[in-house]
Amino acid sequence: MASVIRVPPPLWALAAALAQRALTPGAPTPTARRTGAAITIALASTALAGASANQFRRRGTTVEPFHPDRASVLVTTGANSISRNPMYVGMAGLLAANAIRRGSWAALLPLAGFVATIDRLQITTEESALKARFGADYEIYRATVPRWLDHRSVIPSRRPSV
């Protein structure tokens, strides 16, 4: 059986950032408004991803994206209560911030490519492993917390406790 080459999600994000740069040569100097918006989004995105990673470490479970089967705890609180994938949301947010800073609609294309790639190649594998590992608890979590972000991220409904 041939082995599959797996690309770490941060490298997908870096590739998308480089593609943003390649697609927007000679981007105009960012205005103060674009710079402020980009910094705000970048800080929020970094905080979201960092808070989730720290919570995984505090709970003693893996943040390794290629070994979700090694998860020892299902983390459903903090950043993981608004998204099942806050680290990936954070990476996507950094790409959105870069697109805003670059001031180009074309810079959104690599962001869309990153989200589609992570959604289909990475998250589906993680979800299968978490379902096998945590069963009904994961199914409840999956039913109540969005994969990325949606209205439930802003206005959480009454969620069953996991």
C-alpha atoms as a PDB file:
ATOM      1  CA  MET A   1       0.000   0.000   0.000  1.00  0.00           C
ATOM      2  CA  ALA A   2       1.413   3.391  -0.972  1.00  0.00           C
ATOM      3  CA  SER A   3       1.733   5.915   1.817  1.00  0.00           C
ATOM      4  CA  VAL A   4      -0.141   9.158   1.535  1.00  0.00           C
ATOM      5  CA  ILE A   5       1.804  12.361   1.988  1.00  0.00           C
ATOM      6  CA  ARG A   6      -0.040  14.478   4.533  1.00  0.00           C
ATOM      7  CA  VAL A   7       0.600  18.198   4.688  1.00  0.00           C
ATOM      8  CA  PRO A   8       0.322  19.822   8.135  1.00  0.00           C
ATOM      9  CA  PRO A   9      -2.489  22.418   8.256  1.00  0.00           C
ATOM     10  CA  PRO A  10      -0.085  25.291   9.129  1.00  0.00           C
ATOM     11  CA  LEU A  11       1.805  24.541   5.897  1.00  0.00           C
ATOM     12  CA  TRP A  12      -1.477  24.702   3.934  1.00  0.00           C
ATOM     13  CA  ALA A  13      -2.071  28.108   5.557  1.00  0.00           C
ATOM     14  CA  LEU A  14       1.461  29.261   4.673  1.00  0.00           C
ATOM     15  CA  ALA A  15       0.972  28.107   1.078  1.00  0.00           C
ATOM     16  CA  ALA A  16      -2.298  30.056   0.942  1.00  0.00           C
ATOM     17  CA  ALA A  17      -0.560  33.177   2.307  1.00  0.00           C
ATOM     18  CA  LEU A  18       2.143  32.861  -0.344  1.00  0.00           C
ATOM     19  CA  ALA A  19      -0.548  32.433  -3.000  1.00  0.00           C
ATOM     20  CA  GLN A  20      -2.250  35.588  -1.693  1.00  0.00           C
ATOM     21  CA  ARG A  21       1.002  37.444  -2.221  1.00  0.00           C
ATOM     22  CA  ALA A  22       1.495  35.977  -5.697  1.00  0.00           C
ATOM     23  CA  LEU A  23      -2.057  36.881  -6.739  1.00  0.00           C
ATOM     24  CA  THR A  24      -1.732  40.488  -5.590  1.00  0.00           C
ATOM     25  CA  PRO A  25       1.538  41.843  -6.943  1.00  0.00           C
ATOM     26  CA  GLY A  26       1.855  45.553  -6.437  1.00  0.00           C
ATOM     27  CA  ALA A  27      -0.912  45.605  -3.837  1.00  0.00           C
ATOM     28  CA  PRO A  28      -1.629  49.169  -2.762  1.00  0.00           C
ATOM     29  CA  THR A  29      -0.244  50.432   0.503  1.00  0.00           C
ATOM     30  CA  PRO A  30      -2.756  49.495   3.199  1.00  0.00           C
ATOM     31  CA  THR A  31      -4.912  52.339   4.438  1.00  0.00           C
ATOM     32  CA  ALA A  32      -5.190  52.984   8.172  1.00  0.00           C
ATOM     33  CA  ARG A  33      -8.698  51.493   8.127  1.00  0.00           C
ATOM     34  CA  ARG A  34      -7.567  48.289   6.375  1.00  0.00           C
ATOM     35  CA  THR A  35      -4.560  48.012   8.654  1.00  0.00           C
ATOM     36  CA  GLY A  36      -6.737  48.417  11.742  1.00  0.00           C
ATOM     37  CA  ALA A  37      -9.237  45.833  10.522  1.00  0.00           C
ATOM     38  CA  ALA A  38      -6.472  43.393   9.586  1.00  0.00           C
ATOM     39  CA  ILE A  39      -4.755  43.771  12.962  1.00  0.00           C
ATOM     40  CA  THR A  40      -8.039  43.309  14.836  1.00  0.00           C
ATOM     41  CA  ILE A  41      -8.923  40.158  12.888  1.00  0.00           C
ATOM     42  CA  ALA A  42      -5.377  38.785  13.177  1.00  0.00           C
ATOM     43  CA  LEU A  43      -5.317  39.323  16.949  1.00  0.00           C
ATOM     44  CA  ALA A  44      -8.748  37.723  17.431  1.00  0.00           C
ATOM     45  CA  SER A  45      -7.776  34.795  15.195  1.00  0.00           C
ATOM     46  CA  THR A  46      -4.501  34.235  17.022  1.00  0.00           C
ATOM     47  CA  ALA A  47      -6.261  34.435  20.390  1.00  0.00           C
ATOM     48  CA  LEU A  48      -8.916  31.918  19.296  1.00  0.00           C
ATOM     49  CA  ALA A  49      -6.396  29.383  17.981  1.00  0.00           C
ATOM     50  CA  GLY A  50      -4.001  29.922  20.884  1.00  0.00           C
ATOM     51  CA  ALA A  51      -6.713  29.560  23.519  1.00  0.00           C
ATOM     52  CA  SER A  52      -7.803  26.265  21.992  1.00  0.00           C
ATOM     53  CA  ALA A  53      -4.251  24.907  21.745  1.00  0.00           C
ATOM     54  CA  ASN A  54      -3.560  25.917  25.348  1.00  0.00           C
ATOM     55  CA  GLN A  55      -6.734  24.209  26.525  1.00  0.00           C
ATOM     56  CA  PHE A  56      -5.742  21.007  24.721  1.00  0.00           C
ATOM     57  CA  ARG A  57      -2.336  21.115  26.419  1.00  0.00           C
ATOM     58  CA  ARG A  58      -3.826  21.844  29.860  1.00  0.00           C
ATOM     59  CA  ARG A  59      -6.216  18.927  29.460  1.00  0.00           C
ATOM     60  CA  GLY A  60      -3.319  16.677  28.427  1.00  0.00           C
ATOM     61  CA  THR A  61      -4.599  15.753  24.979  1.00  0.00           C
ATOM     62  CA  THR A  62      -2.952  15.922  21.582  1.00  0.00           C
ATOM     63  CA  VAL A  63      -2.968  18.873  19.206  1.00  0.00           C
ATOM     64  CA  GLU A  64      -1.298  16.698  16.549  1.00  0.00           C
ATOM     65  CA  PRO A  65      -3.592  16.919  13.503  1.00  0.00           C
ATOM     66  CA  PHE A  66      -2.493  13.581  12.013  1.00  0.00           C
ATOM     67  CA  HIS A  67      -3.209  11.534  15.117  1.00  0.00           C
ATOM     68  CA  PRO A  68      -6.692  12.471  16.359  1.00  0.00           C
ATOM     69  CA  ASP A  69      -7.052   8.863  17.482  1.00  0.00           C
ATOM     70  CA  ARG A  70      -4.570   9.717  20.256  1.00  0.00           C
ATOM     71  CA  ALA A  71      -6.980  12.221  21.808  1.00  0.00           C
ATOM     72  CA  SER A  72      -7.433  11.402  25.474  1.00  0.00           C
ATOM     73  CA  VAL A  73     -10.110  14.012  26.212  1.00  0.00           C
ATOM     74  CA  LEU A  74     -12.898  15.574  24.147  1.00  0.00           C
ATOM     75  CA  VAL A  75     -12.369  19.317  24.613  1.00  0.00           C
ATOM     76  CA  THR A  76     -15.736  21.094  24.325  1.00  0.00           C
ATOM     77  CA  THR A  77     -15.268  24.226  26.411  1.00  0.00           C
ATOM     78  CA  GLY A  78     -13.655  27.604  25.830  1.00  0.00           C
ATOM     79  CA  ALA A  79     -12.850  28.256  22.172  1.00  0.00           C
ATOM     80  CA  ASN A  80     -14.108  24.767  21.355  1.00  0.00           C
ATOM     81  CA  SER A  81     -17.597  25.740  22.506  1.00  0.00           C
ATOM     82  CA  ILE A  82     -18.006  28.131  19.556  1.00  0.00           C
ATOM     83  CA  SER A  83     -16.296  26.010  16.899  1.00  0.00           C
ATOM     84  CA  ARG A  84     -15.226  22.387  16.715  1.00  0.00           C
ATOM     85  CA  ASN A  85     -12.102  23.601  14.900  1.00  0.00           C
ATOM     86  CA  PRO A  86     -10.997  26.922  16.411  1.00  0.00           C
ATOM     87  CA  MET A  87      -7.358  26.364  15.451  1.00  0.00           C
ATOM     88  CA  TYR A  88      -8.334  26.092  11.786  1.00  0.00           C
ATOM     89  CA  VAL A  89     -10.732  29.024  12.144  1.00  0.00           C
ATOM     90  CA  GLY A  90      -7.812  30.993  13.546  1.00  0.00           C
ATOM     91  CA  MET A  91      -5.620  30.114  10.557  1.00  0.00           C
ATOM     92  CA  ALA A  92      -8.425  31.086   8.175  1.00  0.00           C
ATOM     93  CA  GLY A  93      -8.853  34.351  10.097  1.00  0.00           C
ATOM     94  CA  LEU A  94      -5.176  35.168   9.622  1.00  0.00           C
ATOM     95  CA  LEU A  95      -5.599  34.606   5.896  1.00  0.00           C
ATOM     96  CA  ALA A  96      -8.685  36.853   5.892  1.00  0.00           C
ATOM     97  CA  ALA A  97      -6.696  39.528   7.734  1.00  0.00           C
ATOM     98  CA  ASN A  98      -3.944  39.280   5.132  1.00  0.00           C
ATOM     99  CA  ALA A  99      -6.476  39.601   2.296  1.00  0.00           C
ATOM    100  CA  ILE A 100      -7.904  42.721   3.925  1.00  0.00           C
ATOM    101  CA  ARG A 101      -4.431  44.169   4.443  1.00  0.00           C
ATOM    102  CA  ARG A 102      -3.566  43.475   0.810  1.00  0.00           C
ATOM    103  CA  GLY A 103      -6.810  45.163  -0.301  1.00  0.00           C
ATOM    104  CA  SER A 104      -7.657  42.665  -3.008  1.00  0.00           C
ATOM    105  CA  TRP A 105     -10.621  40.424  -3.652  1.00  0.00           C
ATOM    106  CA  ALA A 106      -8.220  38.027  -5.427  1.00  0.00           C
ATOM    107  CA  ALA A 107      -6.497  37.434  -2.079  1.00  0.00           C
ATOM    108  CA  LEU A 108      -9.690  35.740  -0.877  1.00  0.00           C
ATOM    109  CA  LEU A 109      -9.271  32.879  -3.385  1.00  0.00           C
ATOM    110  CA  PRO A 110      -6.426  31.172  -1.457  1.00  0.00           C
ATOM    111  CA  LEU A 111      -8.450  31.593   1.748  1.00  0.00           C
ATOM    112  CA  ALA A 112     -11.346  29.727   0.109  1.00  0.00           C
ATOM    113  CA  GLY A 113      -8.904  27.073  -1.107  1.00  0.00           C
ATOM    114  CA  PHE A 114      -7.473  26.669   2.395  1.00  0.00           C
ATOM    115  CA  VAL A 115     -10.918  26.275   3.966  1.00  0.00           C
ATOM    116  CA  ALA A 116     -12.020  23.743   1.326  1.00  0.00           C
ATOM    117  CA  THR A 117      -8.798  21.750   1.639  1.00  0.00           C
ATOM    118  CA  ILE A 118      -8.844  21.606   5.441  1.00  0.00           C
ATOM    119  CA  ASP A 119     -12.571  20.914   5.490  1.00  0.00           C
ATOM    120  CA  ARG A 120     -12.361  17.955   3.097  1.00  0.00           C
ATOM    121  CA  LEU A 121      -8.884  16.494   3.675  1.00  0.00           C
ATOM    122  CA  GLN A 122      -8.223  17.124   7.354  1.00  0.00           C
ATOM    123  CA  ILE A 123     -11.396  17.691   9.359  1.00  0.00           C
ATOM    124  CA  THR A 124     -13.295  14.716   7.959  1.00  0.00           C
ATOM    125  CA  THR A 125     -10.474  12.389   9.060  1.00  0.00           C
ATOM    126  CA  GLU A 126     -10.386  13.977  12.507  1.00  0.00           C
ATOM    127  CA  GLU A 127     -14.147  13.707  12.900  1.00  0.00           C
ATOM    128  CA  SER A 128     -14.142   9.995  12.052  1.00  0.00           C
ATOM    129  CA  ALA A 129     -11.430   9.337  14.652  1.00  0.00           C
ATOM    130  CA  LEU A 130     -13.197  11.402  17.320  1.00  0.00           C
ATOM    131  CA  LYS A 131     -16.512   9.668  16.665  1.00  0.00           C
ATOM    132  CA  ALA A 132     -14.825   6.279  17.020  1.00  0.00           C
ATOM    133  CA  ARG A 133     -13.044   7.375  20.206  1.00  0.00           C
ATOM    134  CA  PHE A 134     -15.796   9.320  22.012  1.00  0.00           C
ATOM    135  CA  GLY A 135     -19.006   7.946  20.476  1.00  0.00           C
ATOM    136  CA  ALA A 136     -22.242   9.547  21.697  1.00  0.00           C
ATOM    137  CA  ASP A 137     -20.426  12.381  23.494  1.00  0.00           C
ATOM    138  CA  TYR A 138     -18.839  13.424  20.200  1.00  0.00           C
ATOM    139  CA  GLU A 139     -22.157  13.130  18.359  1.00  0.00           C
ATOM    140  CA  ILE A 140     -23.827  15.476  20.867  1.00  0.00           C
ATOM    141  CA  TYR A 141     -20.923  17.917  20.544  1.00  0.00           C
ATOM    142  CA  ARG A 142     -21.041  17.685  16.746  1.00  0.00           C
ATOM    143  CA  ALA A 143     -24.788  18.341  16.710  1.00  0.00           C
ATOM    144  CA  THR A 144     -24.534  21.452  18.875  1.00  0.00           C
ATOM    145  CA  VAL A 145     -21.266  23.152  17.900  1.00  0.00           C
ATOM    146  CA  PRO A 146     -20.510  24.139  14.291  1.00  0.00           C
ATOM    147  CA  ARG A 147     -17.540  22.780  12.378  1.00  0.00           C
ATOM    148  CA  TRP A 148     -16.375  26.323  11.534  1.00  0.00           C
ATOM    149  CA  LEU A 149     -18.508  29.276  12.688  1.00  0.00           C
ATOM    150  CA  ASP A 150     -22.201  30.022  12.370  1.00  0.00           C
ATOM    151  CA  HIS A 151     -25.043  31.638  14.311  1.00  0.00           C
ATOM    152  CA  ARG A 152     -24.524  29.129  17.143  1.00  0.00           C
ATOM    153  CA  SER A 153     -21.017  30.540  17.624  1.00  0.00           C
ATOM    154  CA  VAL A 154     -22.417  33.972  18.453  1.00  0.00           C
ATOM    155  CA  ILE A 155     -25.673  33.043  20.154  1.00  0.00           C
ATOM    156  CA  PRO A 156     -25.227  29.618  21.710  1.00  0.00           C
ATOM    157  CA  SER A 157     -28.450  27.702  22.100  1.00  0.00           C
ATOM    158  CA  ARG A 158     -29.189  25.557  25.087  1.00  0.00           C
ATOM    159  CA  ARG A 159     -26.636  22.869  24.526  1.00  0.00           C
ATOM    160  CA  PRO A 160     -26.740  19.498  26.180  1.00  0.00           C
ATOM    161  CA  SER A 161     -23.680  19.002  28.345  1.00  0.00           C
ATOM    162  CA  VAL A 162     -21.100  16.615  27.076  1.00  0.00           C
END
